[in-house]
Amino acid sequence: ETRRGIALIALKEIDFDRATGKLSDTDYEFLKQKYTVEAIQAIKEEETAEAGGAAGPLRCPRCGPRPEQDARFCSDCGAALLVDARLCRACQAPLEPGSRFCSNCGSQVVAAA
């Protein structure tokens, strides 16, 4: 199962546990907040990966990392931009050489076109 699926199942389970009196209101609110945040993060990461956004930040060979997302050329010097495959685009964590998924957030690493 995916992180998203696990978080959504957990939300349903804590609703049931609260309704049956197995969870206090305080515990319910804490767990609801925790799993809601987890589900939202997982959904955002899935959307980023589906859009091909987990390949790594763009990098200019002259100017370094760039904020542009879909540009092909540097807005400062005009050089062709490269994908910095050493960092995950979703969470900016370092990627292991040859990895297909980020070990930090689980986003799929998409090869540069």
PDB file of N, CA and C in Angstrom:
ATOM      1  N   GLU A   1       0.823  -1.189   0.000  1.00  0.00           N
ATOM      2  CA  GLU A   1       0.000   0.000   0.000  1.00  0.00           C
ATOM      3  C   GLU A   1       0.866   1.252   0.000  1.00  0.00           C
ATOM      4  N   THR A   2       0.297   2.336  -0.447  1.00  0.00           N
ATOM      5  CA  THR A   2       1.004   3.608  -0.512  1.00  0.00           C
ATOM      6  C   THR A   2       0.895   4.348   0.817  1.00  0.00           C
ATOM      7  N   ARG A   3       1.762   5.347   0.996  1.00  0.00           N
ATOM      8  CA  ARG A   3       1.677   6.188   2.200  1.00  0.00           C
ATOM      9  C   ARG A   3       0.308   6.853   2.278  1.00  0.00           C
ATOM     10  N   ARG A   4      -0.179   7.277   1.131  1.00  0.00           N
ATOM     11  CA  ARG A   4      -1.492   7.924   1.082  1.00  0.00           C
ATOM     12  C   ARG A   4      -2.576   6.963   1.570  1.00  0.00           C
ATOM     13  N   GLY A   5      -2.559   5.741   1.055  1.00  0.00           N
ATOM     14  CA  GLY A   5      -3.553   4.748   1.439  1.00  0.00           C
ATOM     15  C   GLY A   5      -3.495   4.409   2.913  1.00  0.00           C
ATOM     16  N   ILE A   6      -2.300   4.258   3.429  1.00  0.00           N
ATOM     17  CA  ILE A   6      -2.123   3.936   4.847  1.00  0.00           C
ATOM     18  C   ILE A   6      -2.672   5.060   5.724  1.00  0.00           C
ATOM     19  N   ALA A   7      -2.363   6.310   5.356  1.00  0.00           N
ATOM     20  CA  ALA A   7      -2.846   7.447   6.145  1.00  0.00           C
ATOM     21  C   ALA A   7      -4.368   7.550   6.094  1.00  0.00           C
ATOM     22  N   LEU A   8      -4.952   7.320   4.923  1.00  0.00           N
ATOM     23  CA  LEU A   8      -6.411   7.401   4.806  1.00  0.00           C
ATOM     24  C   LEU A   8      -7.106   6.284   5.587  1.00  0.00           C
ATOM     25  N   ILE A   9      -6.535   5.094   5.564  1.00  0.00           N
ATOM     26  CA  ILE A   9      -7.085   3.986   6.358  1.00  0.00           C
ATOM     27  C   ILE A   9      -6.992   4.306   7.849  1.00  0.00           C
ATOM     28  N   ALA A  10      -5.853   4.862   8.261  1.00  0.00           N
ATOM     29  CA  ALA A  10      -5.679   5.223   9.670  1.00  0.00           C
ATOM     30  C   ALA A  10      -6.721   6.255  10.096  1.00  0.00           C
ATOM     31  N   LEU A  11      -7.020   7.220   9.219  1.00  0.00           N
ATOM     32  CA  LEU A  11      -8.045   8.217   9.548  1.00  0.00           C
ATOM     33  C   LEU A  11      -9.411   7.561   9.758  1.00  0.00           C
ATOM     34  N   LYS A  12      -9.756   6.597   8.920  1.00  0.00           N
ATOM     35  CA  LYS A  12     -11.028   5.887   9.075  1.00  0.00           C
ATOM     36  C   LYS A  12     -11.050   5.089  10.376  1.00  0.00           C
ATOM     37  N   GLU A  13      -9.918   4.445  10.685  1.00  0.00           N
ATOM     38  CA  GLU A  13      -9.853   3.633  11.903  1.00  0.00           C
ATOM     39  C   GLU A  13      -9.972   4.475  13.161  1.00  0.00           C
ATOM     40  N   ILE A  14      -9.331   5.649  13.179  1.00  0.00           N
ATOM     41  CA  ILE A  14      -9.438   6.463  14.391  1.00  0.00           C
ATOM     42  C   ILE A  14     -10.840   7.045  14.531  1.00  0.00           C
ATOM     43  N   ASP A  15     -11.522   7.312  13.414  1.00  0.00           N
ATOM     44  CA  ASP A  15     -12.925   7.745  13.495  1.00  0.00           C
ATOM     45  C   ASP A  15     -13.775   6.655  14.146  1.00  0.00           C
ATOM     46  N   PHE A  16     -13.566   5.419  13.715  1.00  0.00           N
ATOM     47  CA  PHE A  16     -14.307   4.289  14.278  1.00  0.00           C
ATOM     48  C   PHE A  16     -13.974   4.113  15.758  1.00  0.00           C
ATOM     49  N   ASP A  17     -12.672   4.172  16.088  1.00  0.00           N
ATOM     50  CA  ASP A  17     -12.257   3.999  17.484  1.00  0.00           C
ATOM     51  C   ASP A  17     -12.843   5.084  18.383  1.00  0.00           C
ATOM     52  N   ARG A  18     -12.941   6.298  17.884  1.00  0.00           N
ATOM     53  CA  ARG A  18     -13.533   7.376  18.677  1.00  0.00           C
ATOM     54  C   ARG A  18     -15.028   7.127  18.863  1.00  0.00           C
ATOM     55  N   ALA A  19     -15.694   6.721  17.779  1.00  0.00           N
ATOM     56  CA  ALA A  19     -17.139   6.479  17.844  1.00  0.00           C
ATOM     57  C   ALA A  19     -17.485   5.346  18.803  1.00  0.00           C
ATOM     58  N   THR A  20     -16.597   4.371  18.941  1.00  0.00           N
ATOM     59  CA  THR A  20     -16.857   3.237  19.832  1.00  0.00           C
ATOM     60  C   THR A  20     -16.288   3.449  21.231  1.00  0.00           C
ATOM     61  N   GLY A  21     -15.713   4.626  21.478  1.00  0.00           N
ATOM     62  CA  GLY A  21     -15.208   4.946  22.800  1.00  0.00           C
ATOM     63  C   GLY A  21     -13.818   4.431  23.109  1.00  0.00           C
ATOM     64  N   LYS A  22     -13.111   3.934  22.114  1.00  0.00           N
ATOM     65  CA  LYS A  22     -11.760   3.411  22.340  1.00  0.00           C
ATOM     66  C   LYS A  22     -10.699   4.508  22.371  1.00  0.00           C
ATOM     67  N   LEU A  23     -11.036   5.693  21.853  1.00  0.00           N
ATOM     68  CA  LEU A  23     -10.095   6.818  21.829  1.00  0.00           C
ATOM     69  C   LEU A  23     -10.703   8.015  22.544  1.00  0.00           C
ATOM     70  N   SER A  24      -9.894   8.683  23.351  1.00  0.00           N
ATOM     71  CA  SER A  24     -10.350   9.920  23.984  1.00  0.00           C
ATOM     72  C   SER A  24     -10.365  11.030  22.933  1.00  0.00           C
ATOM     73  N   ASP A  25     -11.065  12.114  23.226  1.00  0.00           N
ATOM     74  CA  ASP A  25     -11.111  13.241  22.296  1.00  0.00           C
ATOM     75  C   ASP A  25      -9.721  13.825  22.061  1.00  0.00           C
ATOM     76  N   THR A  26      -8.906  13.882  23.112  1.00  0.00           N
ATOM     77  CA  THR A  26      -7.548  14.419  22.990  1.00  0.00           C
ATOM     78  C   THR A  26      -6.700  13.557  22.066  1.00  0.00           C
ATOM     79  N   ASP A  27      -6.739  12.249  22.279  1.00  0.00           N
ATOM     80  CA  ASP A  27      -5.972  11.338  21.424  1.00  0.00           C
ATOM     81  C   ASP A  27      -6.478  11.381  19.985  1.00  0.00           C
ATOM     82  N   TYR A  28      -7.795  11.456  19.842  1.00  0.00           N
ATOM     83  CA  TYR A  28      -8.387  11.512  18.504  1.00  0.00           C
ATOM     84  C   TYR A  28      -7.894  12.746  17.742  1.00  0.00           C
ATOM     85  N   GLU A  29      -7.941  13.905  18.381  1.00  0.00           N
ATOM     86  CA  GLU A  29      -7.507  15.144  17.717  1.00  0.00           C
ATOM     87  C   GLU A  29      -6.031  15.070  17.332  1.00  0.00           C
ATOM     88  N   PHE A  30      -5.204  14.536  18.220  1.00  0.00           N
ATOM     89  CA  PHE A  30      -3.773  14.399  17.929  1.00  0.00           C
ATOM     90  C   PHE A  30      -3.548  13.485  16.723  1.00  0.00           C
ATOM     91  N   LEU A  31      -4.179  12.313  16.740  1.00  0.00           N
ATOM     92  CA  LEU A  31      -3.993  11.347  15.651  1.00  0.00           C
ATOM     93  C   LEU A  31      -4.608  11.839  14.343  1.00  0.00           C
ATOM     94  N   LYS A  32      -5.751  12.517  14.446  1.00  0.00           N
ATOM     95  CA  LYS A  32      -6.380  13.051  13.240  1.00  0.00           C
ATOM     96  C   LYS A  32      -5.454  14.065  12.575  1.00  0.00           C
ATOM     97  N   GLN A  33      -4.870  14.952  13.344  1.00  0.00           N
ATOM     98  CA  GLN A  33      -3.929  15.949  12.810  1.00  0.00           C
ATOM     99  C   GLN A  33      -2.730  15.258  12.167  1.00  0.00           C
ATOM    100  N   LYS A  34      -2.173  14.278  12.862  1.00  0.00           N
ATOM    101  CA  LYS A  34      -0.992  13.564  12.372  1.00  0.00           C
ATOM    102  C   LYS A  34      -1.265  12.878  11.032  1.00  0.00           C
ATOM    103  N   TYR A  35      -2.346  12.112  10.954  1.00  0.00           N
ATOM    104  CA  TYR A  35      -2.627  11.358   9.729  1.00  0.00           C
ATOM    105  C   TYR A  35      -3.160  12.241   8.601  1.00  0.00           C
ATOM    106  N   THR A  36      -3.795  13.352   8.935  1.00  0.00           N
ATOM    107  CA  THR A  36      -4.220  14.293   7.900  1.00  0.00           C
ATOM    108  C   THR A  36      -3.002  14.915   7.232  1.00  0.00           C
ATOM    109  N   VAL A  37      -2.033  15.335   8.032  1.00  0.00           N
ATOM    110  CA  VAL A  37      -0.791  15.897   7.482  1.00  0.00           C
ATOM    111  C   VAL A  37      -0.074  14.853   6.634  1.00  0.00           C
ATOM    112  N   GLU A  38       0.001  13.630   7.116  1.00  0.00           N
ATOM    113  CA  GLU A  38       0.659  12.546   6.376  1.00  0.00           C
ATOM    114  C   GLU A  38      -0.030  12.306   5.033  1.00  0.00           C
ATOM    115  N   ALA A  39      -1.364  12.279   5.034  1.00  0.00           N
ATOM    116  CA  ALA A  39      -2.108  12.051   3.785  1.00  0.00           C
ATOM    117  C   ALA A  39      -1.893  13.193   2.798  1.00  0.00           C
ATOM    118  N   ILE A  40      -1.923  14.421   3.274  1.00  0.00           N
ATOM    119  CA  ILE A  40      -1.724  15.579   2.397  1.00  0.00           C
ATOM    120  C   ILE A  40      -0.326  15.562   1.794  1.00  0.00           C
ATOM    121  N   GLN A  41       0.695  15.277   2.609  1.00  0.00           N
ATOM    122  CA  GLN A  41       2.065  15.202   2.093  1.00  0.00           C
ATOM    123  C   GLN A  41       2.188  14.105   1.046  1.00  0.00           C
ATOM    124  N   ALA A  42       1.597  12.958   1.310  1.00  0.00           N
ATOM    125  CA  ALA A  42       1.677  11.840   0.366  1.00  0.00           C
ATOM    126  C   ALA A  42       0.989  12.186  -0.952  1.00  0.00           C
ATOM    127  N   ILE A  43      -0.148  12.849  -0.880  1.00  0.00           N
ATOM    128  CA  ILE A  43      -0.869  13.242  -2.095  1.00  0.00           C
ATOM    129  C   ILE A  43      -0.042  14.241  -2.897  1.00  0.00           C
ATOM    130  N   LYS A  44       0.545  15.225  -2.219  1.00  0.00           N
ATOM    131  CA  LYS A  44       1.382  16.213  -2.918  1.00  0.00           C
ATOM    132  C   LYS A  44       2.583  15.541  -3.580  1.00  0.00           C
ATOM    133  N   GLU A  45       3.210  14.598  -2.883  1.00  0.00           N
ATOM    134  CA  GLU A  45       4.366  13.902  -3.446  1.00  0.00           C
ATOM    135  C   GLU A  45       3.970  13.061  -4.654  1.00  0.00           C
ATOM    136  N   GLU A  46       2.800  12.413  -4.582  1.00  0.00           N
ATOM    137  CA  GLU A  46       2.317  11.630  -5.722  1.00  0.00           C
ATOM    138  C   GLU A  46       2.067  12.533  -6.922  1.00  0.00           C
ATOM    139  N   GLU A  47       1.461  13.688  -6.681  1.00  0.00           N
ATOM    140  CA  GLU A  47       1.188  14.621  -7.775  1.00  0.00           C
ATOM    141  C   GLU A  47       2.483  15.141  -8.384  1.00  0.00           C
ATOM    142  N   THR A  48       3.474  15.428  -7.543  1.00  0.00           N
ATOM    143  CA  THR A  48       4.767  15.896  -8.037  1.00  0.00           C
ATOM    144  C   THR A  48       5.437  14.819  -8.869  1.00  0.00           C
ATOM    145  N   ALA A  49       5.404  13.592  -8.390  1.00  0.00           N
ATOM    146  CA  ALA A  49       6.031  12.489  -9.122  1.00  0.00           C
ATOM    147  C   ALA A  49       5.315  12.228 -10.441  1.00  0.00           C
ATOM    148  N   GLU A  50       3.977  12.298 -10.434  1.00  0.00           N
ATOM    149  CA  GLU A  50       3.211  12.077 -11.660  1.00  0.00           C
ATOM    150  C   GLU A  50       3.487  13.158 -12.691  1.00  0.00           C
ATOM    151  N   ALA A  51       3.787  14.363 -12.225  1.00  0.00           N
ATOM    152  CA  ALA A  51       4.069  15.469 -13.137  1.00  0.00           C
ATOM    153  C   ALA A  51       5.515  15.440 -13.614  1.00  0.00           C
ATOM    154  N   GLY A  52       6.263  14.446 -13.176  1.00  0.00           N
ATOM    155  CA  GLY A  52       7.666  14.360 -13.578  1.00  0.00           C
ATOM    156  C   GLY A  52       8.542  15.308 -12.803  1.00  0.00           C
ATOM    157  N   GLY A  53       8.084  15.724 -11.629  1.00  0.00           N
ATOM    158  CA  GLY A  53       8.806  16.736 -10.883  1.00  0.00           C
ATOM    159  C   GLY A  53       9.832  16.221  -9.913  1.00  0.00           C
ATOM    160  N   ALA A  54      10.123  14.942  -9.872  1.00  0.00           N
ATOM    161  CA  ALA A  54      11.060  14.446  -8.871  1.00  0.00           C
ATOM    162  C   ALA A  54      12.425  14.147  -9.458  1.00  0.00           C
ATOM    163  N   ALA A  55      12.768  14.763 -10.556  1.00  0.00           N
ATOM    164  CA  ALA A  55      14.044  14.476 -11.201  1.00  0.00           C
ATOM    165  C   ALA A  55      15.196  15.249 -10.597  1.00  0.00           C
ATOM    166  N   GLY A  56      14.939  16.308  -9.912  1.00  0.00           N
ATOM    167  CA  GLY A  56      16.003  17.100  -9.326  1.00  0.00           C
ATOM    168  C   GLY A  56      15.887  18.541  -9.787  1.00  0.00           C
ATOM    169  N   PRO A  57      16.410  19.474  -9.004  1.00  0.00           N
ATOM    170  CA  PRO A  57      16.313  20.878  -9.371  1.00  0.00           C
ATOM    171  C   PRO A  57      17.145  21.185 -10.611  1.00  0.00           C
ATOM    172  N   LEU A  58      16.744  22.231 -11.315  1.00  0.00           N
ATOM    173  CA  LEU A  58      17.507  22.649 -12.483  1.00  0.00           C
ATOM    174  C   LEU A  58      18.765  23.366 -12.035  1.00  0.00           C
ATOM    175  N   ARG A  59      19.825  23.195 -12.819  1.00  0.00           N
ATOM    176  CA  ARG A  59      21.124  23.753 -12.461  1.00  0.00           C
ATOM    177  C   ARG A  59      21.773  24.331 -13.709  1.00  0.00           C
ATOM    178  N   CYS A  60      22.254  25.552 -13.580  1.00  0.00           N
ATOM    179  CA  CYS A  60      23.003  26.189 -14.660  1.00  0.00           C
ATOM    180  C   CYS A  60      24.475  25.835 -14.470  1.00  0.00           C
ATOM    181  N   PRO A  61      25.177  25.442 -15.545  1.00  0.00           N
ATOM    182  CA  PRO A  61      26.592  25.106 -15.391  1.00  0.00           C
ATOM    183  C   PRO A  61      27.442  26.305 -14.967  1.00  0.00           C
ATOM    184  N   ARG A  62      26.940  27.529 -15.198  1.00  0.00           N
ATOM    185  CA  ARG A  62      27.691  28.738 -14.822  1.00  0.00           C
ATOM    186  C   ARG A  62      27.208  29.351 -13.506  1.00  0.00           C
ATOM    187  N   CYS A  63      25.886  29.390 -13.317  1.00  0.00           N
ATOM    188  CA  CYS A  63      25.304  30.113 -12.178  1.00  0.00           C
ATOM    189  C   CYS A  63      24.901  29.222 -11.002  1.00  0.00           C
ATOM    190  N   GLY A  64      24.862  27.909 -11.198  1.00  0.00           N
ATOM    191  CA  GLY A  64      24.478  26.997 -10.124  1.00  0.00           C
ATOM    192  C   GLY A  64      22.986  26.712 -10.119  1.00  0.00           C
ATOM    193  N   PRO A  65      22.429  26.300  -8.964  1.00  0.00           N
ATOM    194  CA  PRO A  65      21.007  25.939  -8.881  1.00  0.00           C
ATOM    195  C   PRO A  65      20.111  27.105  -9.293  1.00  0.00           C
ATOM    196  N   ARG A  66      19.028  26.786  -9.996  1.00  0.00           N
ATOM    197  CA  ARG A  66      18.112  27.807 -10.508  1.00  0.00           C
ATOM    198  C   ARG A  66      16.713  27.598  -9.959  1.00  0.00           C
ATOM    199  N   PRO A  67      15.958  28.688  -9.768  1.00  0.00           N
ATOM    200  CA  PRO A  67      14.591  28.554  -9.270  1.00  0.00           C
ATOM    201  C   PRO A  67      13.578  28.182 -10.349  1.00  0.00           C
ATOM    202  N   GLU A  68      13.957  28.323 -11.624  1.00  0.00           N
ATOM    203  CA  GLU A  68      13.024  28.022 -12.707  1.00  0.00           C
ATOM    204  C   GLU A  68      12.634  26.550 -12.655  1.00  0.00           C
ATOM    205  N   GLN A  69      11.373  26.245 -12.943  1.00  0.00           N
ATOM    206  CA  GLN A  69      10.915  24.863 -12.900  1.00  0.00           C
ATOM    207  C   GLN A  69      10.896  24.207 -14.268  1.00  0.00           C
ATOM    208  N   ASP A  70      10.430  24.909 -15.286  1.00  0.00           N
ATOM    209  CA  ASP A  70      10.262  24.306 -16.604  1.00  0.00           C
ATOM    210  C   ASP A  70      11.146  24.943 -17.664  1.00  0.00           C
ATOM    211  N   ALA A  71      12.075  25.788 -17.273  1.00  0.00           N
ATOM    212  CA  ALA A  71      12.929  26.482 -18.237  1.00  0.00           C
ATOM    213  C   ALA A  71      13.965  25.533 -18.835  1.00  0.00           C
ATOM    214  N   ARG A  72      14.406  25.851 -20.030  1.00  0.00           N
ATOM    215  CA  ARG A  72      15.469  25.077 -20.678  1.00  0.00           C
ATOM    216  C   ARG A  72      16.781  25.847 -20.661  1.00  0.00           C
ATOM    217  N   PHE A  73      16.692  27.178 -20.431  1.00  0.00           N
ATOM    218  CA  PHE A  73      17.874  28.026 -20.429  1.00  0.00           C
ATOM    219  C   PHE A  73      17.870  28.917 -19.194  1.00  0.00           C
ATOM    220  N   CYS A  74      19.049  29.249 -18.705  1.00  0.00           N
ATOM    221  CA  CYS A  74      19.220  30.086 -17.515  1.00  0.00           C
ATOM    222  C   CYS A  74      18.705  31.497 -17.800  1.00  0.00           C
ATOM    223  N   SER A  75      17.934  32.054 -16.885  1.00  0.00           N
ATOM    224  CA  SER A  75      17.394  33.402 -17.063  1.00  0.00           C
ATOM    225  C   SER A  75      18.445  34.476 -16.802  1.00  0.00           C
ATOM    226  N   ASP A  76      19.587  34.111 -16.209  1.00  0.00           N
ATOM    227  CA  ASP A  76      20.654  35.082 -15.959  1.00  0.00           C
ATOM    228  C   ASP A  76      21.689  35.127 -17.078  1.00  0.00           C
ATOM    229  N   CYS A  77      22.153  33.946 -17.531  1.00  0.00           N
ATOM    230  CA  CYS A  77      23.251  33.932 -18.503  1.00  0.00           C
ATOM    231  C   CYS A  77      22.894  33.283 -19.838  1.00  0.00           C
ATOM    232  N   GLY A  78      21.745  32.622 -19.939  1.00  0.00           N
ATOM    233  CA  GLY A  78      21.316  32.020 -21.194  1.00  0.00           C
ATOM    234  C   GLY A  78      21.856  30.626 -21.466  1.00  0.00           C
ATOM    235  N   ALA A  79      22.649  30.067 -20.559  1.00  0.00           N
ATOM    236  CA  ALA A  79      23.210  28.722 -20.763  1.00  0.00           C
ATOM    237  C   ALA A  79      22.108  27.674 -20.633  1.00  0.00           C
ATOM    238  N   ALA A  80      22.272  26.558 -21.334  1.00  0.00           N
ATOM    239  CA  ALA A  80      21.319  25.452 -21.232  1.00  0.00           C
ATOM    240  C   ALA A  80      21.344  24.899 -19.812  1.00  0.00           C
ATOM    241  N   LEU A  81      20.152  24.684 -19.251  1.00  0.00           N
ATOM    242  CA  LEU A  81      20.047  24.168 -17.885  1.00  0.00           C
ATOM    243  C   LEU A  81      20.154  22.654 -17.875  1.00  0.00           C
ATOM    244  N   LEU A  82      20.712  22.138 -16.802  1.00  0.00           N
ATOM    245  CA  LEU A  82      20.861  20.705 -16.588  1.00  0.00           C
ATOM    246  C   LEU A  82      20.006  20.320 -15.393  1.00  0.00           C
ATOM    247  N   VAL A  83      19.567  19.073 -15.355  1.00  0.00           N
ATOM    248  CA  VAL A  83      18.846  18.579 -14.186  1.00  0.00           C
ATOM    249  C   VAL A  83      19.876  18.086 -13.191  1.00  0.00           C
ATOM    250  N   ASP A  84      19.810  18.613 -11.972  1.00  0.00           N
ATOM    251  CA  ASP A  84      20.714  18.168 -10.913  1.00  0.00           C
ATOM    252  C   ASP A  84      20.106  16.924 -10.288  1.00  0.00           C
ATOM    253  N   ALA A  85      20.487  15.769 -10.799  1.00  0.00           N
ATOM    254  CA  ALA A  85      19.901  14.506 -10.356  1.00  0.00           C
ATOM    255  C   ALA A  85      20.415  14.075  -8.989  1.00  0.00           C
ATOM    256  N   ARG A  86      21.279  14.872  -8.383  1.00  0.00           N
ATOM    257  CA  ARG A  86      21.800  14.512  -7.065  1.00  0.00           C
ATOM    258  C   ARG A  86      20.844  14.883  -5.943  1.00  0.00           C
ATOM    259  N   LEU A  87      19.824  15.710  -6.249  1.00  0.00           N
ATOM    260  CA  LEU A  87      18.863  16.129  -5.239  1.00  0.00           C
ATOM    261  C   LEU A  87      17.448  15.809  -5.692  1.00  0.00           C
ATOM    262  N   CYS A  88      16.626  15.393  -4.759  1.00  0.00           N
ATOM    263  CA  CYS A  88      15.214  15.121  -5.048  1.00  0.00           C
ATOM    264  C   CYS A  88      14.491  16.454  -5.238  1.00  0.00           C
ATOM    265  N   ARG A  89      13.718  16.562  -6.293  1.00  0.00           N
ATOM    266  CA  ARG A  89      12.981  17.800  -6.541  1.00  0.00           C
ATOM    267  C   ARG A  89      11.875  17.996  -5.501  1.00  0.00           C
ATOM    268  N   ALA A  90      11.307  16.924  -4.994  1.00  0.00           N
ATOM    269  CA  ALA A  90      10.202  17.043  -4.041  1.00  0.00           C
ATOM    270  C   ALA A  90      10.659  17.520  -2.666  1.00  0.00           C
ATOM    271  N   CYS A  91      11.779  16.965  -2.154  1.00  0.00           N
ATOM    272  CA  CYS A  91      12.187  17.296  -0.783  1.00  0.00           C
ATOM    273  C   CYS A  91      13.610  17.835  -0.668  1.00  0.00           C
ATOM    274  N   GLN A  92      14.333  17.889  -1.781  1.00  0.00           N
ATOM    275  CA  GLN A  92      15.709  18.399  -1.831  1.00  0.00           C
ATOM    276  C   GLN A  92      16.730  17.531  -1.099  1.00  0.00           C
ATOM    277  N   ALA A  93      16.366  16.300  -0.768  1.00  0.00           N
ATOM    278  CA  ALA A  93      17.308  15.385  -0.110  1.00  0.00           C
ATOM    279  C   ALA A  93      18.297  14.840  -1.144  1.00  0.00           C
ATOM    280  N   PRO A  94      19.524  14.529  -0.723  1.00  0.00           N
ATOM    281  CA  PRO A  94      20.496  13.932  -1.652  1.00  0.00           C
ATOM    282  C   PRO A  94      20.009  12.566  -2.127  1.00  0.00           C
ATOM    283  N   LEU A  95      20.231  12.284  -3.404  1.00  0.00           N
ATOM    284  CA  LEU A  95      19.833  11.000  -3.985  1.00  0.00           C
ATOM    285  C   LEU A  95      21.049  10.103  -4.144  1.00  0.00           C
ATOM    286  N   GLU A  96      20.841   8.826  -3.922  1.00  0.00           N
ATOM    287  CA  GLU A  96      21.895   7.844  -4.147  1.00  0.00           C
ATOM    288  C   GLU A  96      22.065   7.651  -5.654  1.00  0.00           C
ATOM    289  N   PRO A  97      23.296   7.460  -6.133  1.00  0.00           N
ATOM    290  CA  PRO A  97      23.502   7.230  -7.565  1.00  0.00           C
ATOM    291  C   PRO A  97      22.698   6.023  -8.049  1.00  0.00           C
ATOM    292  N   GLY A  98      21.982   6.204  -9.148  1.00  0.00           N
ATOM    293  CA  GLY A  98      21.207   5.121  -9.736  1.00  0.00           C
ATOM    294  C   GLY A  98      19.881   4.836  -9.053  1.00  0.00           C
ATOM    295  N   SER A  99      19.519   5.615  -8.041  1.00  0.00           N
ATOM    296  CA  SER A  99      18.266   5.346  -7.327  1.00  0.00           C
ATOM    297  C   SER A  99      17.068   5.707  -8.196  1.00  0.00           C
ATOM    298  N   ARG A 100      15.986   4.962  -8.017  1.00  0.00           N
ATOM    299  CA  ARG A 100      14.750   5.216  -8.755  1.00  0.00           C
ATOM    300  C   ARG A 100      13.727   5.943  -7.892  1.00  0.00           C
ATOM    301  N   PHE A 101      13.928   5.901  -6.566  1.00  0.00           N
ATOM    302  CA  PHE A 101      13.043   6.577  -5.630  1.00  0.00           C
ATOM    303  C   PHE A 101      13.888   7.278  -4.573  1.00  0.00           C
ATOM    304  N   CYS A 102      13.393   8.389  -4.070  1.00  0.00           N
ATOM    305  CA  CYS A 102      14.074   9.126  -3.012  1.00  0.00           C
ATOM    306  C   CYS A 102      13.960   8.336  -1.712  1.00  0.00           C
ATOM    307  N   SER A 103      15.084   8.136  -1.034  1.00  0.00           N
ATOM    308  CA  SER A 103      15.063   7.383   0.219  1.00  0.00           C
ATOM    309  C   SER A 103      14.499   8.217   1.369  1.00  0.00           C
ATOM    310  N   ASN A 104      14.351   9.520   1.173  1.00  0.00           N
ATOM    311  CA  ASN A 104      13.819  10.383   2.219  1.00  0.00           C
ATOM    312  C   ASN A 104      12.292  10.503   2.156  1.00  0.00           C
ATOM    313  N   CYS A 105      11.754  10.790   0.954  1.00  0.00           N
ATOM    314  CA  CYS A 105      10.306  11.026   0.851  1.00  0.00           C
ATOM    315  C   CYS A 105       9.575  10.006  -0.014  1.00  0.00           C
ATOM    316  N   GLY A 106      10.308   9.165  -0.745  1.00  0.00           N
ATOM    317  CA  GLY A 106       9.678   8.136  -1.558  1.00  0.00           C
ATOM    318  C   GLY A 106       9.259   8.578  -2.947  1.00  0.00           C
ATOM    319  N   SER A 107       9.520   9.833  -3.303  1.00  0.00           N
ATOM    320  CA  SER A 107       9.155  10.305  -4.642  1.00  0.00           C
ATOM    321  C   SER A 107       9.960   9.569  -5.696  1.00  0.00           C
ATOM    322  N   GLN A 108       9.301   9.295  -6.813  1.00  0.00           N
ATOM    323  CA  GLN A 108       9.984   8.619  -7.914  1.00  0.00           C
ATOM    324  C   GLN A 108      10.938   9.602  -8.578  1.00  0.00           C
ATOM    325  N   VAL A 109      12.141   9.134  -8.870  1.00  0.00           N
ATOM    326  CA  VAL A 109      13.137   9.947  -9.560  1.00  0.00           C
ATOM    327  C   VAL A 109      12.928   9.736 -11.049  1.00  0.00           C
ATOM    328  N   VAL A 110      12.556  10.799 -11.741  1.00  0.00           N
ATOM    329  CA  VAL A 110      12.270  10.723 -13.167  1.00  0.00           C
ATOM    330  C   VAL A 110      13.507  11.148 -13.932  1.00  0.00           C
ATOM    331  N   ALA A 111      13.900  10.365 -14.916  1.00  0.00           N
ATOM    332  CA  ALA A 111      15.080  10.693 -15.719  1.00  0.00           C
ATOM    333  C   ALA A 111      14.845  11.976 -16.490  1.00  0.00           C
ATOM    334  N   ALA A 112      15.899  12.761 -16.635  1.00  0.00           N
ATOM    335  CA  ALA A 112      15.812  14.014 -17.385  1.00  0.00           C
ATOM    336  C   ALA A 112      15.597  13.729 -18.857  1.00  0.00           C
ATOM    337  N   ALA A 113      14.792  14.563 -19.499  1.00  0.00           N
ATOM    338  CA  ALA A 113      14.515  14.384 -20.929  1.00  0.00           C
ATOM    339  C   ALA A 113      15.611  14.990 -21.767  1.00  0.00           C
TER     340      ALA A 113
END
